[in-house]
Amino acid sequence: MTQIIETSDDGRLRLRLEPQTDADNPRTVYDHLTHVITLPGSRYADVDKSGGGPLADGWRRIQHRDNAVDIFTRWARTSHGAVVIEDQTHDGPGTIWYLMPKGIAEVIEPKEYIRSEIAEYRAWASGEVYGYIIERAVNWKPVTDQYADVIVSERTTWEAVTEGSCWDLITYELAEREARNQFRTYLESSHYLT
């Protein structure tokens, strides 16, 4: 549902936040440090576009064993130095998320980094993606000399400002924060002051 979350003091500019229904899966659009293996038996599509990353072949060899997750997790940690988190959820696919040593070197807290990617994916999968639009009020005045017999009153509509929108923001909190920051920046810019 579209929501007006802020309006300028003069009422001529507003900030609109709305859900985005056509957002692409962030796992298939962006490159990530974390790799994901989707557990078999899931009614969901594979989470990771790479099919499970560099350890996927090892997983495929053992995936049908009863203790496959335990074996894979131990193997990834001891043989490859990976940080691994298993994620079982009631409303999504069962997955194993892992970060290889090269990725570990690029982050401060590997487990927290993996958890943030899990949270991002879950938010996208549950439809928590938003966009914002900065709009300005535009007054329309009737041209009376052309149609003398038609009486039309002045009206105001809202038009998006060229540099005032952004989409694919995952989670309401992120979208609202980004939108309000951009709105403040736009209010302080010369575009709005002129």
N, C-alpha and C. Protein backbone atom coordinates (compact mmCIF):
# COMPACT_ATOMS: atom_id res chain seq x y z
N MET A 1 0.83 -1.17 0.00
CA MET A 1 0.00 0.00 0.00
C MET A 1 0.89 1.25 0.00
N THR A 2 0.62 2.16 -0.91
CA THR A 2 1.36 3.41 -0.99
C THR A 2 1.15 4.21 0.28
N GLN A 3 2.24 4.83 0.75
CA GLN A 3 2.17 5.59 1.99
C GLN A 3 2.97 6.89 1.84
N ILE A 4 2.35 8.01 2.14
CA ILE A 4 3.05 9.29 2.17
C ILE A 4 3.72 9.37 3.54
N ILE A 5 5.06 9.42 3.57
CA ILE A 5 5.74 9.39 4.86
C ILE A 5 6.32 10.74 5.28
N GLU A 6 6.36 11.70 4.37
CA GLU A 6 6.85 13.02 4.73
C GLU A 6 6.40 14.03 3.68
N THR A 7 6.17 15.27 4.15
CA THR A 7 5.79 16.37 3.27
C THR A 7 6.61 17.59 3.66
N SER A 8 6.99 18.38 2.68
CA SER A 8 7.76 19.61 2.97
C SER A 8 6.88 20.59 3.74
N ASP A 9 7.50 21.55 4.42
CA ASP A 9 6.77 22.54 5.22
C ASP A 9 5.77 23.33 4.40
N ASP A 10 6.11 23.62 3.14
CA ASP A 10 5.19 24.40 2.30
C ASP A 10 4.15 23.52 1.59
N GLY A 11 4.22 22.21 1.78
CA GLY A 11 3.24 21.31 1.19
C GLY A 11 3.40 21.08 -0.30
N ARG A 12 4.49 21.56 -0.88
CA ARG A 12 4.69 21.45 -2.32
C ARG A 12 5.53 20.24 -2.72
N LEU A 13 6.06 19.53 -1.74
CA LEU A 13 6.90 18.37 -2.01
C LEU A 13 6.52 17.27 -1.03
N ARG A 14 6.46 16.03 -1.53
CA ARG A 14 6.13 14.93 -0.63
C ARG A 14 6.97 13.71 -0.96
N LEU A 15 7.05 12.82 0.00
CA LEU A 15 7.82 11.59 -0.12
C LEU A 15 6.87 10.42 0.01
N ARG A 16 6.86 9.59 -1.02
CA ARG A 16 5.94 8.45 -1.07
C ARG A 16 6.74 7.16 -1.02
N LEU A 17 6.31 6.23 -0.18
CA LEU A 17 6.94 4.91 -0.07
C LEU A 17 5.91 3.88 -0.49
N GLU A 18 6.32 2.94 -1.34
CA GLU A 18 5.35 1.92 -1.77
C GLU A 18 6.01 0.56 -1.97
N PRO A 19 5.23 -0.50 -1.78
CA PRO A 19 5.77 -1.85 -1.98
C PRO A 19 6.12 -2.08 -3.44
N GLN A 20 7.13 -2.90 -3.66
CA GLN A 20 7.52 -3.25 -5.02
C GLN A 20 7.22 -4.73 -5.22
N THR A 21 6.40 -5.03 -6.19
CA THR A 21 5.97 -6.41 -6.41
C THR A 21 6.79 -7.15 -7.45
N ASP A 22 7.64 -6.45 -8.18
CA ASP A 22 8.39 -7.09 -9.26
C ASP A 22 9.90 -7.10 -9.02
N ALA A 23 10.31 -7.05 -7.77
CA ALA A 23 11.75 -6.99 -7.45
C ALA A 23 12.43 -8.32 -7.79
N ASP A 24 13.62 -8.21 -8.35
CA ASP A 24 14.40 -9.40 -8.67
C ASP A 24 15.03 -9.98 -7.42
N ASN A 25 15.24 -11.28 -7.43
CA ASN A 25 15.90 -11.98 -6.33
C ASN A 25 17.31 -11.40 -6.18
N PRO A 26 17.65 -10.87 -5.02
CA PRO A 26 18.99 -10.29 -4.85
C PRO A 26 20.11 -11.32 -5.02
N ARG A 27 19.82 -12.58 -4.83
CA ARG A 27 20.82 -13.63 -4.99
C ARG A 27 21.14 -13.87 -6.46
N THR A 28 20.23 -13.51 -7.35
CA THR A 28 20.47 -13.73 -8.79
C THR A 28 20.91 -12.47 -9.50
N VAL A 29 20.77 -11.33 -8.85
CA VAL A 29 21.11 -10.06 -9.48
C VAL A 29 22.50 -9.59 -9.09
N TYR A 30 22.85 -9.74 -7.82
CA TYR A 30 24.11 -9.22 -7.32
C TYR A 30 25.07 -10.36 -7.00
N ASP A 31 26.36 -10.08 -7.04
CA ASP A 31 27.36 -11.04 -6.61
C ASP A 31 27.46 -10.97 -5.09
N HIS A 32 27.53 -12.12 -4.46
CA HIS A 32 27.61 -12.20 -3.01
C HIS A 32 28.85 -12.98 -2.60
N LEU A 33 29.34 -12.71 -1.42
CA LEU A 33 30.46 -13.46 -0.87
C LEU A 33 30.00 -14.83 -0.37
N THR A 34 28.78 -14.88 0.13
CA THR A 34 28.24 -16.10 0.72
C THR A 34 27.63 -16.98 -0.37
N HIS A 35 27.87 -18.29 -0.24
CA HIS A 35 27.29 -19.27 -1.17
C HIS A 35 26.18 -20.01 -0.45
N VAL A 36 25.22 -20.51 -1.22
CA VAL A 36 24.06 -21.16 -0.62
C VAL A 36 23.76 -22.48 -1.32
N ILE A 37 23.55 -23.50 -0.52
CA ILE A 37 23.09 -24.79 -1.04
C ILE A 37 21.66 -24.97 -0.56
N THR A 38 20.75 -25.21 -1.49
CA THR A 38 19.36 -25.47 -1.14
C THR A 38 19.21 -26.96 -0.91
N LEU A 39 18.68 -27.32 0.26
CA LEU A 39 18.56 -28.73 0.62
C LEU A 39 17.51 -29.42 -0.25
N PRO A 40 17.73 -30.70 -0.56
CA PRO A 40 16.76 -31.44 -1.39
C PRO A 40 15.43 -31.61 -0.65
N GLY A 41 14.39 -31.83 -1.42
CA GLY A 41 13.07 -32.03 -0.84
C GLY A 41 12.35 -30.71 -0.61
N SER A 42 12.99 -29.62 -0.93
CA SER A 42 12.38 -28.31 -0.76
C SER A 42 11.42 -28.05 -1.91
N ARG A 43 10.30 -27.44 -1.60
CA ARG A 43 9.33 -27.09 -2.64
C ARG A 43 9.68 -25.75 -3.28
N TYR A 44 10.85 -25.22 -2.95
CA TYR A 44 11.25 -23.90 -3.40
C TYR A 44 12.37 -23.99 -4.43
N ALA A 45 12.51 -22.94 -5.21
CA ALA A 45 13.60 -22.87 -6.18
C ALA A 45 14.92 -22.71 -5.44
N ASP A 46 16.01 -23.08 -6.11
CA ASP A 46 17.33 -22.91 -5.51
C ASP A 46 17.56 -21.44 -5.18
N VAL A 47 18.15 -21.20 -4.04
CA VAL A 47 18.39 -19.84 -3.58
C VAL A 47 19.54 -19.20 -4.34
N ASP A 48 20.62 -19.94 -4.56
CA ASP A 48 21.84 -19.37 -5.13
C ASP A 48 21.90 -19.59 -6.63
N LYS A 49 22.23 -18.53 -7.38
CA LYS A 49 22.30 -18.62 -8.84
C LYS A 49 23.46 -19.50 -9.31
N SER A 50 24.48 -19.66 -8.47
CA SER A 50 25.65 -20.45 -8.87
C SER A 50 25.45 -21.94 -8.62
N GLY A 51 24.28 -22.32 -8.13
CA GLY A 51 24.01 -23.73 -7.88
C GLY A 51 24.70 -24.26 -6.63
N GLY A 52 25.14 -23.39 -5.76
CA GLY A 52 25.72 -23.84 -4.50
C GLY A 52 27.16 -23.46 -4.30
N GLY A 53 27.77 -22.81 -5.26
CA GLY A 53 29.13 -22.32 -5.08
C GLY A 53 30.21 -23.37 -5.26
N PRO A 54 31.42 -23.07 -4.79
CA PRO A 54 32.57 -23.94 -5.06
C PRO A 54 32.52 -25.30 -4.38
N LEU A 55 31.68 -25.47 -3.36
CA LEU A 55 31.60 -26.77 -2.68
C LEU A 55 30.38 -27.57 -3.11
N ALA A 56 29.70 -27.13 -4.15
CA ALA A 56 28.47 -27.79 -4.60
C ALA A 56 28.69 -29.23 -5.04
N ASP A 57 29.81 -29.52 -5.71
CA ASP A 57 30.06 -30.89 -6.14
C ASP A 57 30.19 -31.83 -4.95
N GLY A 58 30.86 -31.39 -3.91
CA GLY A 58 30.97 -32.19 -2.69
C GLY A 58 29.61 -32.44 -2.08
N TRP A 59 28.76 -31.44 -2.08
CA TRP A 59 27.41 -31.61 -1.56
C TRP A 59 26.61 -32.62 -2.39
N ARG A 60 26.70 -32.52 -3.70
CA ARG A 60 25.93 -33.44 -4.57
C ARG A 60 26.32 -34.90 -4.34
N ARG A 61 27.55 -35.15 -3.98
CA ARG A 61 27.99 -36.53 -3.73
C ARG A 61 27.35 -37.15 -2.50
N ILE A 62 27.01 -36.32 -1.52
CA ILE A 62 26.50 -36.87 -0.25
C ILE A 62 25.07 -36.45 0.08
N GLN A 63 24.44 -35.66 -0.76
CA GLN A 63 23.16 -35.04 -0.40
C GLN A 63 22.04 -36.03 -0.06
N HIS A 64 22.13 -37.28 -0.49
CA HIS A 64 21.05 -38.23 -0.23
C HIS A 64 21.26 -39.03 1.06
N ARG A 65 22.34 -38.77 1.75
CA ARG A 65 22.59 -39.46 3.03
C ARG A 65 21.78 -38.80 4.14
N ASP A 66 21.43 -39.58 5.14
CA ASP A 66 20.65 -39.05 6.26
C ASP A 66 21.39 -37.96 7.02
N ASN A 67 22.69 -38.09 7.12
CA ASN A 67 23.50 -37.12 7.88
C ASN A 67 24.29 -36.18 6.95
N ALA A 68 23.77 -35.93 5.77
CA ALA A 68 24.48 -35.14 4.77
C ALA A 68 24.82 -33.73 5.27
N VAL A 69 23.91 -33.09 5.96
CA VAL A 69 24.15 -31.72 6.43
C VAL A 69 25.32 -31.71 7.42
N ASP A 70 25.33 -32.64 8.35
CA ASP A 70 26.42 -32.71 9.33
C ASP A 70 27.76 -32.99 8.66
N ILE A 71 27.76 -33.92 7.73
CA ILE A 71 29.00 -34.27 7.03
C ILE A 71 29.51 -33.08 6.22
N PHE A 72 28.61 -32.46 5.46
CA PHE A 72 29.01 -31.33 4.63
C PHE A 72 29.53 -30.17 5.48
N THR A 73 28.82 -29.86 6.55
CA THR A 73 29.21 -28.76 7.42
C THR A 73 30.60 -28.98 8.00
N ARG A 74 30.84 -30.18 8.51
CA ARG A 74 32.16 -30.51 9.09
C ARG A 74 33.25 -30.46 8.01
N TRP A 75 32.98 -31.03 6.84
CA TRP A 75 33.93 -31.04 5.72
C TRP A 75 34.27 -29.62 5.25
N ALA A 76 33.24 -28.77 5.12
CA ALA A 76 33.46 -27.39 4.68
C ALA A 76 34.33 -26.62 5.68
N ARG A 77 34.09 -26.87 6.97
CA ARG A 77 34.87 -26.16 8.00
C ARG A 77 36.31 -26.67 8.08
N THR A 78 36.47 -27.99 8.17
CA THR A 78 37.81 -28.54 8.41
C THR A 78 38.68 -28.60 7.16
N SER A 79 38.10 -28.96 6.04
CA SER A 79 38.90 -29.11 4.82
C SER A 79 39.06 -27.82 4.02
N HIS A 80 38.10 -26.91 4.17
CA HIS A 80 38.13 -25.71 3.33
C HIS A 80 38.17 -24.40 4.13
N GLY A 81 38.11 -24.48 5.44
CA GLY A 81 38.17 -23.28 6.28
C GLY A 81 36.96 -22.38 6.15
N ALA A 82 35.83 -22.94 5.78
CA ALA A 82 34.61 -22.16 5.58
C ALA A 82 33.89 -21.91 6.91
N VAL A 83 33.15 -20.84 6.95
CA VAL A 83 32.21 -20.58 8.04
C VAL A 83 30.84 -20.98 7.50
N VAL A 84 30.13 -21.83 8.25
CA VAL A 84 28.90 -22.44 7.73
C VAL A 84 27.74 -22.21 8.70
N ILE A 85 26.57 -21.88 8.15
CA ILE A 85 25.34 -21.78 8.95
C ILE A 85 24.24 -22.53 8.21
N GLU A 86 23.59 -23.44 8.92
CA GLU A 86 22.42 -24.13 8.37
C GLU A 86 21.19 -23.30 8.72
N ASP A 87 20.29 -23.16 7.76
CA ASP A 87 19.08 -22.36 7.98
C ASP A 87 17.86 -23.19 7.61
N GLN A 88 17.12 -23.59 8.63
CA GLN A 88 15.86 -24.31 8.43
C GLN A 88 14.73 -23.38 8.84
N THR A 89 13.79 -23.16 7.96
CA THR A 89 12.67 -22.28 8.26
C THR A 89 11.37 -22.94 7.85
N HIS A 90 10.28 -22.58 8.51
CA HIS A 90 8.99 -23.20 8.20
C HIS A 90 8.36 -22.63 6.94
N ASP A 91 8.79 -21.45 6.50
CA ASP A 91 8.14 -20.82 5.35
C ASP A 91 9.11 -20.53 4.20
N GLY A 92 10.10 -21.36 4.04
CA GLY A 92 11.06 -21.18 2.97
C GLY A 92 11.92 -22.42 2.82
N PRO A 93 12.86 -22.40 1.92
CA PRO A 93 13.70 -23.58 1.69
C PRO A 93 14.69 -23.81 2.84
N GLY A 94 15.00 -25.07 3.06
CA GLY A 94 16.10 -25.39 3.96
C GLY A 94 17.40 -25.14 3.21
N THR A 95 18.35 -24.49 3.86
CA THR A 95 19.57 -24.09 3.16
C THR A 95 20.80 -24.23 4.04
N ILE A 96 21.95 -24.29 3.38
CA ILE A 96 23.25 -24.21 4.04
C ILE A 96 23.96 -23.02 3.41
N TRP A 97 24.33 -22.05 4.24
CA TRP A 97 25.01 -20.84 3.79
C TRP A 97 26.46 -20.94 4.24
N TYR A 98 27.40 -20.68 3.35
CA TYR A 98 28.80 -20.75 3.76
C TYR A 98 29.64 -19.65 3.10
N LEU A 99 30.68 -19.29 3.83
CA LEU A 99 31.59 -18.24 3.41
C LEU A 99 32.98 -18.86 3.35
N MET A 100 33.60 -18.80 2.20
CA MET A 100 34.94 -19.36 1.99
C MET A 100 36.00 -18.41 2.57
N PRO A 101 37.24 -18.89 2.78
CA PRO A 101 38.29 -18.05 3.36
C PRO A 101 38.51 -16.70 2.66
N LYS A 102 38.41 -16.67 1.34
CA LYS A 102 38.57 -15.40 0.62
C LYS A 102 37.49 -14.40 1.05
N GLY A 103 36.27 -14.87 1.20
CA GLY A 103 35.17 -14.01 1.66
C GLY A 103 35.31 -13.65 3.13
N ILE A 104 35.79 -14.59 3.93
CA ILE A 104 35.99 -14.35 5.36
C ILE A 104 36.96 -13.18 5.55
N ALA A 105 37.99 -13.13 4.72
CA ALA A 105 38.99 -12.07 4.82
C ALA A 105 38.41 -10.69 4.51
N GLU A 106 37.28 -10.62 3.83
CA GLU A 106 36.70 -9.34 3.43
C GLU A 106 35.67 -8.79 4.42
N VAL A 107 35.31 -9.56 5.43
CA VAL A 107 34.29 -9.11 6.38
C VAL A 107 34.85 -9.12 7.80
N ILE A 108 34.20 -8.38 8.68
CA ILE A 108 34.66 -8.30 10.07
C ILE A 108 34.14 -9.47 10.89
N GLU A 109 32.85 -9.72 10.82
CA GLU A 109 32.21 -10.82 11.57
C GLU A 109 31.56 -11.78 10.57
N PRO A 110 32.24 -12.87 10.21
CA PRO A 110 31.71 -13.77 9.18
C PRO A 110 30.31 -14.30 9.46
N LYS A 111 30.05 -14.75 10.69
CA LYS A 111 28.71 -15.30 10.98
C LYS A 111 27.63 -14.22 10.88
N GLU A 112 27.93 -13.02 11.35
CA GLU A 112 26.97 -11.93 11.26
C GLU A 112 26.73 -11.54 9.79
N TYR A 113 27.79 -11.60 9.00
CA TYR A 113 27.66 -11.29 7.57
C TYR A 113 26.73 -12.31 6.91
N ILE A 114 26.94 -13.59 7.21
CA ILE A 114 26.08 -14.64 6.65
C ILE A 114 24.64 -14.42 7.10
N ARG A 115 24.45 -14.14 8.38
CA ARG A 115 23.09 -13.90 8.90
C ARG A 115 22.42 -12.71 8.20
N SER A 116 23.20 -11.70 7.87
CA SER A 116 22.62 -10.54 7.17
C SER A 116 22.18 -10.93 5.75
N GLU A 117 22.94 -11.80 5.10
CA GLU A 117 22.52 -12.25 3.76
C GLU A 117 21.28 -13.15 3.85
N ILE A 118 21.20 -13.96 4.90
CA ILE A 118 20.00 -14.78 5.11
C ILE A 118 18.80 -13.87 5.32
N ALA A 119 18.95 -12.86 6.16
CA ALA A 119 17.85 -11.92 6.44
C ALA A 119 17.43 -11.17 5.19
N GLU A 120 18.40 -10.76 4.37
CA GLU A 120 18.09 -10.06 3.12
C GLU A 120 17.26 -10.97 2.21
N TYR A 121 17.70 -12.22 2.06
CA TYR A 121 16.98 -13.14 1.19
C TYR A 121 15.57 -13.40 1.71
N ARG A 122 15.44 -13.65 3.00
CA ARG A 122 14.12 -13.91 3.58
C ARG A 122 13.18 -12.72 3.40
N ALA A 123 13.71 -11.51 3.62
CA ALA A 123 12.87 -10.31 3.44
C ALA A 123 12.40 -10.20 2.00
N TRP A 124 13.31 -10.43 1.04
CA TRP A 124 12.91 -10.39 -0.37
C TRP A 124 11.85 -11.46 -0.66
N ALA A 125 12.08 -12.69 -0.17
CA ALA A 125 11.17 -13.79 -0.44
C ALA A 125 9.79 -13.56 0.16
N SER A 126 9.72 -12.82 1.26
CA SER A 126 8.41 -12.54 1.86
C SER A 126 7.78 -11.26 1.31
N GLY A 127 8.41 -10.66 0.31
CA GLY A 127 7.83 -9.50 -0.36
C GLY A 127 8.09 -8.17 0.32
N GLU A 128 9.09 -8.13 1.17
CA GLU A 128 9.39 -6.89 1.89
C GLU A 128 10.40 -6.05 1.10
N VAL A 129 9.96 -5.60 -0.07
CA VAL A 129 10.78 -4.77 -0.95
C VAL A 129 9.99 -3.52 -1.28
N TYR A 130 10.68 -2.37 -1.24
CA TYR A 130 10.00 -1.09 -1.39
C TYR A 130 10.76 -0.16 -2.33
N GLY A 131 10.07 0.86 -2.73
CA GLY A 131 10.67 1.95 -3.47
C GLY A 131 10.13 3.25 -2.94
N TYR A 132 10.85 4.33 -3.20
CA TYR A 132 10.34 5.63 -2.80
C TYR A 132 10.35 6.58 -4.00
N ILE A 133 9.48 7.56 -3.91
CA ILE A 133 9.34 8.56 -4.96
C ILE A 133 9.17 9.92 -4.30
N ILE A 134 9.98 10.88 -4.71
CA ILE A 134 9.80 12.26 -4.29
C ILE A 134 8.96 12.93 -5.36
N GLU A 135 7.87 13.56 -4.93
CA GLU A 135 6.96 14.19 -5.87
C GLU A 135 6.79 15.67 -5.54
N ARG A 136 6.54 16.46 -6.56
CA ARG A 136 6.27 17.88 -6.37
C ARG A 136 4.86 18.19 -6.87
N ALA A 137 4.24 19.15 -6.21
CA ALA A 137 2.89 19.58 -6.61
C ALA A 137 3.00 20.45 -7.85
N VAL A 138 2.13 20.20 -8.80
CA VAL A 138 2.08 20.97 -10.04
C VAL A 138 0.66 21.50 -10.20
N ASN A 139 0.54 22.82 -10.35
CA ASN A 139 -0.78 23.45 -10.54
C ASN A 139 -1.10 23.55 -12.02
N TRP A 140 -2.32 23.19 -12.33
CA TRP A 140 -2.80 23.28 -13.71
C TRP A 140 -3.89 24.35 -13.75
N LYS A 141 -3.73 25.29 -14.66
CA LYS A 141 -4.73 26.36 -14.80
C LYS A 141 -5.44 26.16 -16.13
N PRO A 142 -6.74 26.37 -16.12
CA PRO A 142 -7.51 26.17 -17.36
C PRO A 142 -7.23 27.26 -18.39
N VAL A 143 -7.34 26.86 -19.64
CA VAL A 143 -7.26 27.82 -20.73
C VAL A 143 -8.69 28.12 -21.12
N THR A 144 -9.19 29.26 -20.71
CA THR A 144 -10.61 29.57 -20.90
C THR A 144 -10.94 30.16 -22.25
N ASP A 145 -9.99 30.80 -22.91
CA ASP A 145 -10.31 31.44 -24.18
C ASP A 145 -10.54 30.43 -25.30
N GLN A 146 -10.00 29.23 -25.16
CA GLN A 146 -10.16 28.23 -26.21
C GLN A 146 -11.53 27.56 -26.13
N TYR A 147 -11.99 27.27 -24.94
CA TYR A 147 -13.28 26.60 -24.74
C TYR A 147 -14.12 27.46 -23.79
N ALA A 148 -14.69 28.50 -24.29
CA ALA A 148 -15.41 29.47 -23.46
C ALA A 148 -16.61 28.87 -22.75
N ASP A 149 -17.22 27.84 -23.35
CA ASP A 149 -18.42 27.28 -22.73
C ASP A 149 -18.11 26.21 -21.67
N VAL A 150 -16.83 25.84 -21.50
CA VAL A 150 -16.44 24.84 -20.52
C VAL A 150 -15.82 25.55 -19.32
N ILE A 151 -16.36 25.28 -18.14
CA ILE A 151 -15.82 25.88 -16.92
C ILE A 151 -14.98 24.82 -16.20
N VAL A 152 -13.70 25.08 -16.14
CA VAL A 152 -12.78 24.14 -15.50
C VAL A 152 -12.03 24.89 -14.42
N SER A 153 -11.98 24.31 -13.25
CA SER A 153 -11.27 24.98 -12.16
C SER A 153 -9.80 24.56 -12.15
N GLU A 154 -9.01 25.34 -11.44
CA GLU A 154 -7.59 25.02 -11.29
C GLU A 154 -7.47 23.72 -10.49
N ARG A 155 -6.48 22.91 -10.83
CA ARG A 155 -6.27 21.66 -10.09
C ARG A 155 -4.78 21.44 -9.85
N THR A 156 -4.48 20.61 -8.86
CA THR A 156 -3.10 20.29 -8.51
C THR A 156 -2.90 18.80 -8.66
N THR A 157 -1.81 18.43 -9.32
CA THR A 157 -1.44 17.02 -9.43
C THR A 157 -0.03 16.85 -8.88
N TRP A 158 0.39 15.63 -8.74
CA TRP A 158 1.74 15.32 -8.23
C TRP A 158 2.54 14.66 -9.33
N GLU A 159 3.77 15.14 -9.52
CA GLU A 159 4.68 14.58 -10.51
C GLU A 159 5.98 14.21 -9.83
N ALA A 160 6.55 13.09 -10.23
CA ALA A 160 7.82 12.64 -9.66
C ALA A 160 8.94 13.56 -10.12
N VAL A 161 9.83 13.92 -9.20
CA VAL A 161 11.01 14.69 -9.60
C VAL A 161 12.01 13.71 -10.20
N THR A 162 12.75 14.17 -11.18
CA THR A 162 13.63 13.30 -11.96
C THR A 162 14.60 12.50 -11.10
N GLU A 163 15.26 13.17 -10.16
CA GLU A 163 16.29 12.49 -9.37
C GLU A 163 15.76 12.03 -8.01
N GLY A 164 14.46 11.83 -7.90
CA GLY A 164 13.89 11.54 -6.59
C GLY A 164 13.21 10.20 -6.43
N SER A 165 13.76 9.14 -7.01
CA SER A 165 13.16 7.83 -6.77
C SER A 165 14.23 6.75 -6.72
N CYS A 166 13.90 5.69 -6.03
CA CYS A 166 14.82 4.54 -5.91
C CYS A 166 13.97 3.32 -5.58
N TRP A 167 14.35 2.18 -6.14
CA TRP A 167 13.59 0.93 -5.95
C TRP A 167 14.53 -0.17 -5.48
N ASP A 168 13.97 -1.33 -5.23
CA ASP A 168 14.71 -2.53 -4.81
C ASP A 168 15.34 -2.37 -3.43
N LEU A 169 14.67 -1.66 -2.53
CA LEU A 169 15.15 -1.51 -1.17
C LEU A 169 14.49 -2.58 -0.31
N ILE A 170 15.31 -3.48 0.21
CA ILE A 170 14.79 -4.64 0.94
C ILE A 170 14.69 -4.28 2.42
N THR A 171 13.53 -4.46 2.97
CA THR A 171 13.04 -4.17 4.33
C THR A 171 12.49 -2.75 4.39
N TYR A 172 11.42 -2.61 5.13
CA TYR A 172 10.76 -1.31 5.29
C TYR A 172 11.69 -0.31 5.96
N GLU A 173 12.43 -0.77 6.97
CA GLU A 173 13.32 0.12 7.73
C GLU A 173 14.37 0.73 6.81
N LEU A 174 15.00 -0.08 5.98
CA LEU A 174 16.01 0.44 5.05
C LEU A 174 15.38 1.42 4.06
N ALA A 175 14.24 1.05 3.50
CA ALA A 175 13.58 1.92 2.51
C ALA A 175 13.21 3.26 3.14
N GLU A 176 12.66 3.24 4.34
CA GLU A 176 12.26 4.49 5.00
C GLU A 176 13.48 5.35 5.31
N ARG A 177 14.54 4.75 5.82
CA ARG A 177 15.75 5.51 6.15
C ARG A 177 16.36 6.15 4.90
N GLU A 178 16.51 5.35 3.83
CA GLU A 178 17.07 5.87 2.58
C GLU A 178 16.18 6.97 2.00
N ALA A 179 14.87 6.75 2.04
CA ALA A 179 13.94 7.73 1.48
C ALA A 179 14.01 9.05 2.23
N ARG A 180 14.00 9.00 3.54
CA ARG A 180 14.06 10.24 4.34
C ARG A 180 15.39 10.97 4.13
N ASN A 181 16.49 10.23 4.05
CA ASN A 181 17.79 10.87 3.78
C ASN A 181 17.79 11.57 2.43
N GLN A 182 17.27 10.90 1.42
CA GLN A 182 17.22 11.50 0.08
C GLN A 182 16.28 12.71 0.05
N PHE A 183 15.18 12.62 0.77
CA PHE A 183 14.23 13.72 0.83
C PHE A 183 14.88 14.96 1.45
N ARG A 184 15.59 14.77 2.57
CA ARG A 184 16.30 15.89 3.21
C ARG A 184 17.33 16.50 2.27
N THR A 185 18.08 15.64 1.58
CA THR A 185 19.08 16.12 0.64
C THR A 185 18.42 16.92 -0.48
N TYR A 186 17.31 16.43 -0.98
CA TYR A 186 16.61 17.15 -2.06
C TYR A 186 16.07 18.50 -1.57
N LEU A 187 15.54 18.55 -0.34
CA LEU A 187 15.03 19.80 0.20
C LEU A 187 16.14 20.84 0.33
N GLU A 188 17.35 20.40 0.61
CA GLU A 188 18.48 21.31 0.78
C GLU A 188 19.17 21.65 -0.55
N SER A 189 18.79 20.98 -1.62
CA SER A 189 19.47 21.20 -2.90
C SER A 189 18.92 22.42 -3.62
N SER A 190 19.68 22.84 -4.61
CA SER A 190 19.27 23.99 -5.41
C SER A 190 18.07 23.67 -6.29
N HIS A 191 17.83 22.39 -6.59
CA HIS A 191 16.68 22.00 -7.43
C HIS A 191 15.39 22.47 -6.78
N TYR A 192 15.29 22.26 -5.49
CA TYR A 192 14.05 22.58 -4.81
C TYR A 192 13.95 24.07 -4.48
N LEU A 193 15.08 24.68 -4.21
CA LEU A 193 15.08 26.08 -3.78
C LEU A 193 14.76 27.05 -4.91
N THR A 194 14.94 26.60 -6.16
CA THR A 194 14.67 27.52 -7.28
C THR A 194 13.22 27.50 -7.69
